[in-house]
């Protein structure tokens, strides 16, 4: 993620955020992670970025910018508690490095469609997620040691944060614009 104090959240970046595939990183305490093999829905990362931006030269740079874009989105988007549904892209992806909290350990199967009740507690925890860049996997992720920040206890709904975050990214409401960083939080300028 960039160390800049300002960031331009564009319509294209919002579209890429909406396509992000949220998986579960089982390391440490566990935490959501953007799927390293298919961050935007298919295994052709650069093609997915091109399909949204129309730029076939700056895919790596745009992908790295999505770390800050994700932070901006999480800190500022709005979503109401309620029942939501989504197509679970994880049903067609490998689970060698990351997993799906819905995957049946015995059969290895995961549902193609998920319906999930997002609560006010989930939404409050989304805002607290401790975003990091996973250099080894080259994707935005969340700190598996302290998912909600230093000294914060792991809540009972922790494993529900994968579907809650997936829904938040798909359905959260936030428009484009400039955002500034104060400390570790982003806000509209």
N, C-alpha and C. Protein backbone atom coordinates (compact mmCIF):
# COMPACT_ATOMS: atom_id res chain seq x y z
N UNK A 1 0.85 -1.17 0.00
CA UNK A 1 0.00 0.00 0.00
C UNK A 1 0.89 1.24 0.00
N UNK A 2 0.45 2.26 -0.64
CA UNK A 2 1.21 3.49 -0.76
C UNK A 2 1.27 4.23 0.57
N UNK A 3 2.29 5.06 0.74
CA UNK A 3 2.43 5.84 1.97
C UNK A 3 1.91 7.26 1.78
N UNK A 4 1.21 7.50 0.72
CA UNK A 4 0.68 8.82 0.42
C UNK A 4 -0.35 9.25 1.46
N UNK A 5 -0.49 10.57 1.64
CA UNK A 5 -1.49 11.07 2.58
C UNK A 5 -2.80 11.40 1.89
N UNK A 6 -2.83 11.35 0.56
CA UNK A 6 -4.09 11.53 -0.17
C UNK A 6 -4.23 10.39 -1.18
N UNK A 7 -5.49 10.09 -1.50
CA UNK A 7 -5.76 8.98 -2.41
C UNK A 7 -7.02 9.30 -3.18
N UNK A 8 -7.01 9.02 -4.50
CA UNK A 8 -8.16 9.26 -5.35
C UNK A 8 -8.89 7.93 -5.56
N UNK A 9 -10.06 7.80 -4.96
CA UNK A 9 -10.89 6.62 -5.15
C UNK A 9 -11.73 6.85 -6.40
N UNK A 10 -11.41 6.12 -7.45
CA UNK A 10 -12.08 6.29 -8.74
C UNK A 10 -13.22 5.28 -8.89
N UNK A 11 -14.08 5.52 -9.88
CA UNK A 11 -15.13 4.56 -10.19
C UNK A 11 -14.56 3.20 -10.55
N UNK A 12 -13.43 3.20 -11.27
CA UNK A 12 -12.79 1.95 -11.66
C UNK A 12 -12.30 1.18 -10.44
N UNK A 13 -11.73 1.88 -9.46
CA UNK A 13 -11.25 1.22 -8.25
C UNK A 13 -12.42 0.67 -7.42
N UNK A 14 -13.51 1.40 -7.40
CA UNK A 14 -14.70 0.89 -6.71
C UNK A 14 -15.20 -0.37 -7.41
N UNK A 15 -15.19 -0.38 -8.74
CA UNK A 15 -15.61 -1.56 -9.49
C UNK A 15 -14.70 -2.75 -9.19
N UNK A 16 -13.41 -2.53 -9.08
CA UNK A 16 -12.48 -3.62 -8.75
C UNK A 16 -12.71 -4.11 -7.32
N UNK A 17 -12.98 -3.21 -6.39
CA UNK A 17 -13.28 -3.61 -5.01
C UNK A 17 -14.52 -4.51 -5.01
N UNK A 18 -15.52 -4.16 -5.76
CA UNK A 18 -16.75 -4.95 -5.80
C UNK A 18 -16.50 -6.36 -6.35
N UNK A 19 -15.47 -6.51 -7.18
CA UNK A 19 -15.13 -7.81 -7.75
C UNK A 19 -14.20 -8.63 -6.86
N UNK A 20 -13.63 -8.02 -5.83
CA UNK A 20 -12.68 -8.74 -4.98
C UNK A 20 -13.30 -10.01 -4.41
N UNK A 21 -12.50 -11.06 -4.38
CA UNK A 21 -12.92 -12.34 -3.82
C UNK A 21 -12.29 -12.46 -2.43
N UNK A 22 -13.14 -12.52 -1.42
CA UNK A 22 -12.67 -12.60 -0.03
C UNK A 22 -12.62 -14.06 0.39
N UNK A 23 -11.44 -14.51 0.78
CA UNK A 23 -11.22 -15.86 1.29
C UNK A 23 -10.84 -15.76 2.77
N UNK A 24 -10.48 -16.88 3.37
CA UNK A 24 -10.08 -16.92 4.77
C UNK A 24 -8.63 -17.37 4.86
N UNK A 25 -7.80 -16.58 5.53
CA UNK A 25 -6.41 -16.92 5.79
C UNK A 25 -6.37 -17.63 7.14
N UNK A 26 -6.06 -18.93 7.18
CA UNK A 26 -6.11 -19.67 8.44
C UNK A 26 -4.91 -19.45 9.36
N UNK A 27 -3.92 -18.70 8.95
CA UNK A 27 -2.74 -18.47 9.79
C UNK A 27 -3.11 -17.71 11.06
N UNK A 28 -2.34 -17.92 12.11
CA UNK A 28 -2.55 -17.19 13.37
C UNK A 28 -3.97 -17.33 13.88
N UNK A 29 -4.59 -16.19 14.18
CA UNK A 29 -5.98 -16.16 14.64
C UNK A 29 -6.95 -16.33 13.47
N UNK A 30 -6.41 -16.24 12.26
CA UNK A 30 -7.24 -16.27 11.06
C UNK A 30 -7.75 -14.87 10.76
N UNK A 31 -8.01 -14.62 9.50
CA UNK A 31 -8.54 -13.31 9.08
C UNK A 31 -8.92 -13.40 7.61
N UNK A 32 -9.80 -12.50 7.17
CA UNK A 32 -10.10 -12.44 5.73
C UNK A 32 -8.83 -12.07 4.94
N UNK A 33 -8.83 -12.45 3.68
CA UNK A 33 -7.76 -12.11 2.76
C UNK A 33 -8.36 -12.06 1.36
N UNK A 34 -7.85 -11.18 0.52
CA UNK A 34 -8.24 -11.18 -0.88
C UNK A 34 -7.57 -12.41 -1.51
N UNK A 35 -8.35 -13.22 -2.23
CA UNK A 35 -7.82 -14.47 -2.77
C UNK A 35 -6.60 -14.19 -3.64
N UNK A 36 -5.45 -14.79 -3.31
CA UNK A 36 -4.22 -14.47 -4.05
C UNK A 36 -4.21 -14.95 -5.49
N UNK A 37 -4.95 -16.01 -5.81
CA UNK A 37 -4.94 -16.53 -7.18
C UNK A 37 -5.98 -15.88 -8.07
N UNK A 38 -6.99 -15.28 -7.48
CA UNK A 38 -8.09 -14.68 -8.25
C UNK A 38 -8.63 -13.47 -7.50
N UNK A 39 -7.82 -12.43 -7.33
CA UNK A 39 -8.26 -11.30 -6.51
C UNK A 39 -9.52 -10.61 -7.02
N UNK A 40 -9.75 -10.63 -8.34
CA UNK A 40 -10.90 -9.91 -8.91
C UNK A 40 -11.87 -10.86 -9.61
N UNK A 41 -11.83 -12.14 -9.25
CA UNK A 41 -12.83 -13.08 -9.74
C UNK A 41 -12.34 -14.16 -10.67
N UNK A 42 -11.25 -13.93 -11.37
CA UNK A 42 -10.70 -14.98 -12.23
C UNK A 42 -9.19 -15.07 -11.98
N UNK A 43 -8.58 -16.09 -12.53
CA UNK A 43 -7.14 -16.26 -12.34
C UNK A 43 -6.33 -15.36 -13.28
N UNK A 44 -6.99 -14.57 -14.10
CA UNK A 44 -6.32 -13.61 -14.99
C UNK A 44 -6.41 -12.22 -14.35
N UNK A 45 -5.59 -11.98 -13.33
CA UNK A 45 -5.64 -10.71 -12.59
C UNK A 45 -5.52 -9.50 -13.51
N UNK A 46 -4.51 -9.49 -14.37
CA UNK A 46 -4.29 -8.34 -15.24
C UNK A 46 -5.45 -8.16 -16.22
N UNK A 47 -5.99 -9.27 -16.73
CA UNK A 47 -7.15 -9.19 -17.62
C UNK A 47 -8.37 -8.63 -16.91
N UNK A 48 -8.56 -9.03 -15.65
CA UNK A 48 -9.68 -8.50 -14.87
C UNK A 48 -9.53 -6.99 -14.68
N UNK A 49 -8.31 -6.55 -14.39
CA UNK A 49 -8.07 -5.12 -14.21
C UNK A 49 -8.31 -4.39 -15.53
N UNK A 50 -7.80 -4.94 -16.64
CA UNK A 50 -8.01 -4.33 -17.96
C UNK A 50 -9.50 -4.22 -18.29
N UNK A 51 -10.27 -5.27 -17.97
CA UNK A 51 -11.70 -5.25 -18.27
C UNK A 51 -12.42 -4.11 -17.56
N UNK A 52 -11.89 -3.65 -16.44
CA UNK A 52 -12.51 -2.56 -15.69
C UNK A 52 -11.92 -1.21 -16.08
N UNK A 53 -10.59 -1.14 -16.19
CA UNK A 53 -9.93 0.15 -16.40
C UNK A 53 -9.69 0.48 -17.87
N UNK A 54 -9.60 -0.55 -18.72
CA UNK A 54 -9.26 -0.33 -20.12
C UNK A 54 -7.79 -0.05 -20.34
N UNK A 55 -6.99 -0.14 -19.28
CA UNK A 55 -5.55 0.14 -19.35
C UNK A 55 -4.79 -1.17 -19.24
N UNK A 56 -4.08 -1.54 -20.31
CA UNK A 56 -3.34 -2.80 -20.25
C UNK A 56 -1.88 -2.62 -19.85
N UNK A 57 -1.46 -1.40 -19.53
CA UNK A 57 -0.06 -1.17 -19.15
C UNK A 57 0.14 -1.05 -17.65
N UNK A 58 -0.83 -0.54 -16.92
CA UNK A 58 -0.62 -0.24 -15.52
C UNK A 58 -1.28 -1.21 -14.54
N UNK A 59 -1.40 -2.48 -14.91
CA UNK A 59 -2.11 -3.44 -14.06
C UNK A 59 -1.42 -3.63 -12.71
N UNK A 60 -0.09 -3.77 -12.69
CA UNK A 60 0.61 -3.96 -11.41
C UNK A 60 0.44 -2.76 -10.50
N UNK A 61 0.59 -1.58 -11.05
CA UNK A 61 0.44 -0.35 -10.26
C UNK A 61 -0.99 -0.21 -9.74
N UNK A 62 -1.96 -0.50 -10.59
CA UNK A 62 -3.36 -0.41 -10.16
C UNK A 62 -3.67 -1.45 -9.09
N UNK A 63 -3.14 -2.65 -9.26
CA UNK A 63 -3.36 -3.70 -8.26
C UNK A 63 -2.81 -3.27 -6.90
N UNK A 64 -1.61 -2.71 -6.88
CA UNK A 64 -1.02 -2.23 -5.61
C UNK A 64 -1.85 -1.10 -5.01
N UNK A 65 -2.41 -0.24 -5.85
CA UNK A 65 -3.24 0.87 -5.37
C UNK A 65 -4.51 0.37 -4.70
N UNK A 66 -4.92 -0.85 -5.05
CA UNK A 66 -6.14 -1.39 -4.46
C UNK A 66 -5.99 -1.68 -2.97
N UNK A 67 -4.77 -1.74 -2.45
CA UNK A 67 -4.58 -1.86 -1.00
C UNK A 67 -5.12 -0.63 -0.29
N UNK A 68 -4.73 0.56 -0.78
CA UNK A 68 -5.25 1.80 -0.20
C UNK A 68 -6.73 1.98 -0.54
N UNK A 69 -7.13 1.60 -1.74
CA UNK A 69 -8.54 1.72 -2.12
C UNK A 69 -9.42 0.89 -1.19
N UNK A 70 -8.96 -0.31 -0.85
CA UNK A 70 -9.70 -1.17 0.06
C UNK A 70 -9.81 -0.52 1.43
N UNK A 71 -8.72 0.06 1.91
CA UNK A 71 -8.75 0.75 3.21
C UNK A 71 -9.73 1.92 3.18
N UNK A 72 -9.68 2.72 2.13
CA UNK A 72 -10.60 3.85 1.99
C UNK A 72 -12.04 3.34 2.02
N UNK A 73 -12.30 2.29 1.27
CA UNK A 73 -13.65 1.75 1.17
C UNK A 73 -14.14 1.25 2.54
N UNK A 74 -13.32 0.49 3.20
CA UNK A 74 -13.70 -0.08 4.52
C UNK A 74 -13.95 1.02 5.54
N UNK A 75 -13.15 2.07 5.51
CA UNK A 75 -13.29 3.15 6.48
C UNK A 75 -14.47 4.08 6.20
N UNK A 76 -14.99 4.07 4.97
CA UNK A 76 -15.98 5.08 4.59
C UNK A 76 -17.29 4.59 4.00
N UNK A 77 -17.33 3.41 3.43
CA UNK A 77 -18.56 2.92 2.80
C UNK A 77 -19.63 2.66 3.86
N UNK A 78 -20.86 2.69 3.42
CA UNK A 78 -22.00 2.51 4.31
C UNK A 78 -22.81 1.30 3.84
N UNK A 79 -23.23 0.49 4.80
CA UNK A 79 -24.09 -0.65 4.51
C UNK A 79 -25.03 -0.84 5.69
N UNK A 80 -26.27 -1.11 5.40
CA UNK A 80 -27.24 -1.35 6.47
C UNK A 80 -27.23 -2.82 6.85
N UNK A 81 -27.43 -3.12 8.13
CA UNK A 81 -27.58 -4.53 8.52
C UNK A 81 -28.75 -5.15 7.75
N UNK A 82 -28.64 -6.43 7.47
CA UNK A 82 -29.72 -7.11 6.77
C UNK A 82 -29.25 -8.42 6.17
N UNK A 83 -30.16 -9.08 5.49
CA UNK A 83 -29.86 -10.35 4.82
C UNK A 83 -29.43 -10.05 3.39
N UNK A 84 -28.27 -10.62 3.02
CA UNK A 84 -27.70 -10.42 1.69
C UNK A 84 -27.33 -11.77 1.09
N UNK A 85 -27.23 -11.81 -0.21
CA UNK A 85 -26.83 -13.03 -0.91
C UNK A 85 -25.75 -12.67 -1.93
N UNK A 86 -24.87 -13.63 -2.19
CA UNK A 86 -23.86 -13.44 -3.22
C UNK A 86 -23.45 -14.78 -3.82
N UNK A 87 -22.96 -14.70 -5.06
CA UNK A 87 -22.39 -15.88 -5.72
C UNK A 87 -21.00 -16.08 -5.11
N UNK A 88 -20.74 -17.28 -4.61
CA UNK A 88 -19.48 -17.58 -3.94
C UNK A 88 -18.43 -18.06 -4.93
N UNK A 89 -17.59 -17.16 -5.40
CA UNK A 89 -16.54 -17.48 -6.36
C UNK A 89 -15.59 -18.53 -5.81
N UNK A 90 -15.48 -18.64 -4.49
CA UNK A 90 -14.57 -19.62 -3.89
C UNK A 90 -14.95 -21.05 -4.23
N UNK A 91 -16.19 -21.29 -4.65
CA UNK A 91 -16.64 -22.64 -5.01
C UNK A 91 -15.86 -23.19 -6.20
N UNK A 92 -15.31 -22.31 -7.04
CA UNK A 92 -14.58 -22.77 -8.23
C UNK A 92 -13.07 -22.57 -8.12
N UNK A 93 -12.61 -22.12 -6.95
CA UNK A 93 -11.17 -21.84 -6.78
C UNK A 93 -10.51 -22.86 -5.86
N UNK A 94 -9.23 -23.05 -6.05
CA UNK A 94 -8.44 -23.95 -5.22
C UNK A 94 -8.36 -23.43 -3.79
N UNK A 95 -8.24 -24.36 -2.86
CA UNK A 95 -8.15 -23.96 -1.46
C UNK A 95 -6.82 -24.38 -0.85
N UNK A 96 -5.75 -24.44 -1.65
CA UNK A 96 -4.44 -24.88 -1.15
C UNK A 96 -3.84 -23.90 -0.14
N UNK A 97 -3.92 -22.61 -0.41
CA UNK A 97 -3.25 -21.60 0.41
C UNK A 97 -4.20 -20.85 1.33
N UNK A 98 -5.44 -20.71 0.90
CA UNK A 98 -6.46 -20.01 1.67
C UNK A 98 -7.69 -20.90 1.70
N UNK A 99 -8.66 -20.52 2.51
CA UNK A 99 -9.84 -21.37 2.62
C UNK A 99 -11.11 -20.55 2.55
N UNK A 100 -12.22 -21.23 2.77
CA UNK A 100 -13.54 -20.63 2.80
C UNK A 100 -14.19 -21.12 4.08
N UNK A 101 -14.71 -20.22 4.90
CA UNK A 101 -15.30 -20.64 6.17
C UNK A 101 -16.51 -21.55 5.95
N UNK A 102 -17.06 -21.58 4.75
CA UNK A 102 -18.20 -22.45 4.44
C UNK A 102 -17.78 -23.81 3.88
N UNK A 103 -16.49 -24.01 3.61
CA UNK A 103 -16.03 -25.26 2.99
C UNK A 103 -16.20 -26.43 3.95
N UNK A 104 -16.79 -27.50 3.46
CA UNK A 104 -16.95 -28.73 4.23
C UNK A 104 -15.60 -29.44 4.25
N UNK A 105 -15.03 -29.62 5.42
CA UNK A 105 -13.70 -30.23 5.53
C UNK A 105 -13.68 -31.66 5.01
N UNK A 106 -14.79 -32.39 5.17
CA UNK A 106 -14.85 -33.77 4.72
C UNK A 106 -14.90 -33.92 3.21
N UNK A 107 -15.74 -33.13 2.57
CA UNK A 107 -15.92 -33.25 1.12
C UNK A 107 -15.09 -32.25 0.32
N UNK A 108 -14.67 -31.17 0.97
CA UNK A 108 -13.95 -30.12 0.27
C UNK A 108 -14.85 -29.19 -0.52
N UNK A 109 -16.15 -29.41 -0.44
CA UNK A 109 -17.09 -28.59 -1.20
C UNK A 109 -17.50 -27.35 -0.43
N UNK A 110 -17.82 -26.33 -1.20
CA UNK A 110 -18.29 -25.07 -0.63
C UNK A 110 -19.50 -24.60 -1.44
N UNK A 111 -20.46 -23.95 -0.83
CA UNK A 111 -21.66 -23.56 -1.57
C UNK A 111 -21.38 -22.53 -2.66
N UNK A 112 -22.11 -22.64 -3.77
CA UNK A 112 -21.96 -21.68 -4.85
C UNK A 112 -22.68 -20.37 -4.56
N UNK A 113 -23.68 -20.41 -3.72
CA UNK A 113 -24.44 -19.22 -3.34
C UNK A 113 -24.50 -19.14 -1.83
N UNK A 114 -24.30 -17.95 -1.32
CA UNK A 114 -24.32 -17.72 0.13
C UNK A 114 -25.38 -16.68 0.44
N UNK A 115 -26.21 -16.97 1.43
CA UNK A 115 -27.13 -15.99 1.98
C UNK A 115 -26.71 -15.81 3.43
N UNK A 116 -26.53 -14.55 3.85
CA UNK A 116 -25.94 -14.30 5.16
C UNK A 116 -26.56 -13.05 5.76
N UNK A 117 -26.80 -13.09 7.06
CA UNK A 117 -27.33 -11.94 7.80
C UNK A 117 -26.18 -11.10 8.35
N UNK A 118 -26.01 -9.91 7.81
CA UNK A 118 -24.98 -8.98 8.30
C UNK A 118 -25.60 -8.16 9.42
N UNK A 119 -24.93 -8.15 10.57
CA UNK A 119 -25.43 -7.43 11.74
C UNK A 119 -24.65 -6.14 11.95
N UNK A 120 -25.14 -5.31 12.86
CA UNK A 120 -24.42 -4.09 13.22
C UNK A 120 -23.05 -4.44 13.81
N UNK A 121 -22.95 -5.56 14.52
CA UNK A 121 -21.66 -5.99 15.07
C UNK A 121 -20.67 -6.30 13.95
N UNK A 122 -21.11 -7.01 12.92
CA UNK A 122 -20.23 -7.29 11.77
C UNK A 122 -19.73 -5.99 11.15
N UNK A 123 -20.65 -5.06 10.94
CA UNK A 123 -20.29 -3.80 10.29
C UNK A 123 -19.30 -2.99 11.12
N UNK A 124 -19.47 -3.00 12.45
CA UNK A 124 -18.52 -2.30 13.32
C UNK A 124 -17.14 -2.96 13.24
N UNK A 125 -17.12 -4.28 13.15
CA UNK A 125 -15.84 -4.99 13.05
C UNK A 125 -15.17 -4.78 11.70
N UNK A 126 -15.94 -4.66 10.63
CA UNK A 126 -15.36 -4.38 9.31
C UNK A 126 -14.52 -3.11 9.39
N UNK A 127 -15.04 -2.08 10.02
CA UNK A 127 -14.32 -0.80 10.13
C UNK A 127 -13.02 -0.93 10.92
N UNK A 128 -12.96 -1.91 11.83
CA UNK A 128 -11.77 -2.09 12.67
C UNK A 128 -10.72 -3.02 12.05
N UNK A 129 -11.06 -3.70 10.95
CA UNK A 129 -10.12 -4.65 10.38
C UNK A 129 -8.77 -3.99 10.10
N UNK A 130 -7.73 -4.66 10.53
CA UNK A 130 -6.35 -4.17 10.44
C UNK A 130 -5.76 -4.60 9.09
N UNK A 131 -5.83 -3.71 8.11
CA UNK A 131 -5.42 -4.01 6.74
C UNK A 131 -3.90 -3.99 6.61
N UNK A 132 -3.38 -5.01 5.91
CA UNK A 132 -1.95 -5.11 5.61
C UNK A 132 -1.81 -5.52 4.14
N UNK A 133 -0.62 -5.39 3.62
CA UNK A 133 -0.34 -5.91 2.29
C UNK A 133 0.47 -7.18 2.48
N UNK A 134 -0.03 -8.30 1.98
CA UNK A 134 0.66 -9.58 2.07
C UNK A 134 1.65 -9.64 0.91
N UNK A 135 2.92 -9.35 1.19
CA UNK A 135 3.94 -9.30 0.14
C UNK A 135 4.15 -10.66 -0.52
N UNK A 136 4.10 -11.73 0.26
CA UNK A 136 4.30 -13.07 -0.30
C UNK A 136 3.23 -13.47 -1.29
N UNK A 137 2.01 -13.06 -1.02
CA UNK A 137 0.89 -13.40 -1.91
C UNK A 137 0.53 -12.26 -2.85
N UNK A 138 1.07 -11.07 -2.58
CA UNK A 138 0.85 -9.87 -3.40
C UNK A 138 -0.63 -9.48 -3.48
N UNK A 139 -1.27 -9.44 -2.30
CA UNK A 139 -2.68 -9.04 -2.21
C UNK A 139 -2.94 -8.30 -0.90
N UNK A 140 -4.00 -7.49 -0.87
CA UNK A 140 -4.43 -6.92 0.40
C UNK A 140 -4.93 -8.04 1.31
N UNK A 141 -4.63 -7.91 2.59
CA UNK A 141 -5.03 -8.92 3.57
C UNK A 141 -5.30 -8.22 4.90
N UNK A 142 -5.54 -9.01 5.91
CA UNK A 142 -5.80 -8.47 7.24
C UNK A 142 -4.90 -9.21 8.21
N UNK A 143 -4.39 -8.48 9.18
CA UNK A 143 -3.44 -9.00 10.14
C UNK A 143 -4.01 -10.22 10.85
N UNK A 144 -3.36 -11.37 10.71
CA UNK A 144 -3.87 -12.59 11.34
C UNK A 144 -3.51 -12.67 12.82
N UNK A 145 -2.57 -11.87 13.27
CA UNK A 145 -2.22 -11.85 14.70
C UNK A 145 -3.16 -10.94 15.48
N UNK A 146 -3.47 -9.78 14.90
CA UNK A 146 -4.35 -8.80 15.55
C UNK A 146 -5.32 -8.25 14.50
N UNK A 147 -6.32 -9.05 14.12
CA UNK A 147 -7.21 -8.65 13.03
C UNK A 147 -7.93 -7.33 13.23
N UNK A 148 -8.19 -6.95 14.49
CA UNK A 148 -8.96 -5.73 14.77
C UNK A 148 -8.11 -4.66 15.48
N UNK A 149 -6.80 -4.82 15.41
CA UNK A 149 -5.90 -3.86 16.03
C UNK A 149 -5.28 -4.40 17.31
N UNK A 150 -4.25 -3.73 17.75
CA UNK A 150 -3.50 -4.16 18.93
C UNK A 150 -4.39 -4.21 20.17
N UNK A 151 -4.30 -5.33 20.88
CA UNK A 151 -4.99 -5.47 22.15
C UNK A 151 -6.48 -5.72 22.06
N UNK A 152 -7.01 -5.92 20.86
CA UNK A 152 -8.44 -6.15 20.70
C UNK A 152 -8.73 -7.64 20.74
N UNK A 153 -9.69 -8.05 21.55
CA UNK A 153 -10.05 -9.45 21.65
C UNK A 153 -10.73 -9.94 20.38
N UNK A 154 -10.59 -11.22 20.13
CA UNK A 154 -11.25 -11.84 18.98
C UNK A 154 -12.71 -12.08 19.37
N UNK A 155 -13.65 -11.49 18.63
CA UNK A 155 -15.07 -11.62 18.98
C UNK A 155 -15.62 -12.99 18.56
N UNK A 156 -16.74 -13.40 19.15
CA UNK A 156 -17.35 -14.68 18.77
C UNK A 156 -17.72 -14.78 17.29
N UNK A 157 -17.97 -13.66 16.63
CA UNK A 157 -18.36 -13.68 15.21
C UNK A 157 -17.15 -13.57 14.27
N UNK A 158 -15.96 -13.78 14.79
CA UNK A 158 -14.74 -13.59 13.99
C UNK A 158 -14.76 -14.36 12.67
N UNK A 159 -15.11 -15.65 12.69
CA UNK A 159 -15.11 -16.45 11.45
C UNK A 159 -16.21 -16.02 10.48
N UNK A 160 -17.16 -15.24 10.96
CA UNK A 160 -18.21 -14.73 10.08
C UNK A 160 -17.76 -13.49 9.30
N UNK A 161 -16.55 -13.03 9.58
CA UNK A 161 -16.08 -11.81 8.92
C UNK A 161 -15.76 -12.02 7.44
N UNK A 162 -15.48 -13.27 7.03
CA UNK A 162 -15.27 -13.52 5.60
C UNK A 162 -16.54 -13.20 4.81
N UNK A 163 -17.70 -13.80 5.11
CA UNK A 163 -18.89 -13.43 4.34
C UNK A 163 -19.34 -12.00 4.61
N UNK A 164 -19.18 -11.52 5.83
CA UNK A 164 -19.58 -10.14 6.13
C UNK A 164 -18.78 -9.15 5.29
N UNK A 165 -17.47 -9.37 5.17
CA UNK A 165 -16.63 -8.48 4.37
C UNK A 165 -16.96 -8.63 2.88
N UNK A 166 -17.18 -9.86 2.42
CA UNK A 166 -17.53 -10.05 1.00
C UNK A 166 -18.79 -9.27 0.66
N UNK A 167 -19.78 -9.33 1.53
CA UNK A 167 -21.03 -8.59 1.32
C UNK A 167 -20.78 -7.09 1.39
N UNK A 168 -19.98 -6.65 2.36
CA UNK A 168 -19.67 -5.23 2.49
C UNK A 168 -19.04 -4.68 1.22
N UNK A 169 -18.10 -5.43 0.64
CA UNK A 169 -17.43 -4.97 -0.58
C UNK A 169 -18.39 -4.96 -1.77
N UNK A 170 -19.28 -5.92 -1.85
CA UNK A 170 -20.22 -5.99 -2.97
C UNK A 170 -21.33 -4.95 -2.89
N UNK A 171 -21.82 -4.69 -1.68
CA UNK A 171 -23.03 -3.89 -1.54
C UNK A 171 -22.84 -2.56 -0.80
N UNK A 172 -21.67 -2.32 -0.22
CA UNK A 172 -21.44 -1.07 0.49
C UNK A 172 -21.56 0.13 -0.44
N UNK A 173 -22.02 1.24 0.09
CA UNK A 173 -22.27 2.44 -0.70
C UNK A 173 -21.19 3.48 -0.44
N UNK A 174 -20.46 3.84 -1.48
CA UNK A 174 -19.44 4.89 -1.40
C UNK A 174 -19.16 5.38 -2.81
N UNK A 175 -19.15 6.69 -2.96
CA UNK A 175 -18.86 7.28 -4.26
C UNK A 175 -17.39 7.61 -4.41
N UNK A 176 -16.97 7.93 -5.63
CA UNK A 176 -15.58 8.29 -5.88
C UNK A 176 -15.24 9.65 -5.30
N UNK A 177 -13.94 9.89 -5.16
CA UNK A 177 -13.48 11.19 -4.69
C UNK A 177 -12.14 11.09 -4.02
N UNK A 178 -11.62 12.25 -3.59
CA UNK A 178 -10.33 12.27 -2.89
C UNK A 178 -10.52 11.96 -1.40
N UNK A 179 -9.55 11.24 -0.85
CA UNK A 179 -9.56 10.88 0.57
C UNK A 179 -8.19 11.18 1.15
N UNK A 180 -8.20 11.61 2.39
CA UNK A 180 -6.95 11.91 3.09
C UNK A 180 -6.74 10.95 4.24
N UNK A 181 -5.48 10.76 4.60
CA UNK A 181 -5.14 9.82 5.66
C UNK A 181 -4.69 10.60 6.89
N UNK A 182 -5.32 10.28 8.01
CA UNK A 182 -4.92 10.83 9.31
C UNK A 182 -4.66 9.64 10.22
N UNK A 183 -3.41 9.44 10.59
CA UNK A 183 -3.06 8.23 11.35
C UNK A 183 -3.19 7.03 10.44
N UNK A 184 -4.01 6.07 10.86
CA UNK A 184 -4.21 4.89 10.01
C UNK A 184 -5.62 4.85 9.43
N UNK A 185 -6.33 5.97 9.44
CA UNK A 185 -7.71 6.04 8.94
C UNK A 185 -7.80 6.99 7.74
N UNK A 186 -8.69 6.64 6.80
CA UNK A 186 -8.93 7.45 5.63
C UNK A 186 -10.28 8.14 5.76
N UNK A 187 -10.38 9.39 5.33
CA UNK A 187 -11.65 10.13 5.35
C UNK A 187 -11.72 11.04 4.12
N UNK A 188 -12.93 11.34 3.69
CA UNK A 188 -13.13 12.21 2.54
C UNK A 188 -12.53 13.59 2.82
N UNK A 189 -11.94 14.20 1.79
CA UNK A 189 -11.39 15.55 1.92
C UNK A 189 -12.19 16.52 1.10
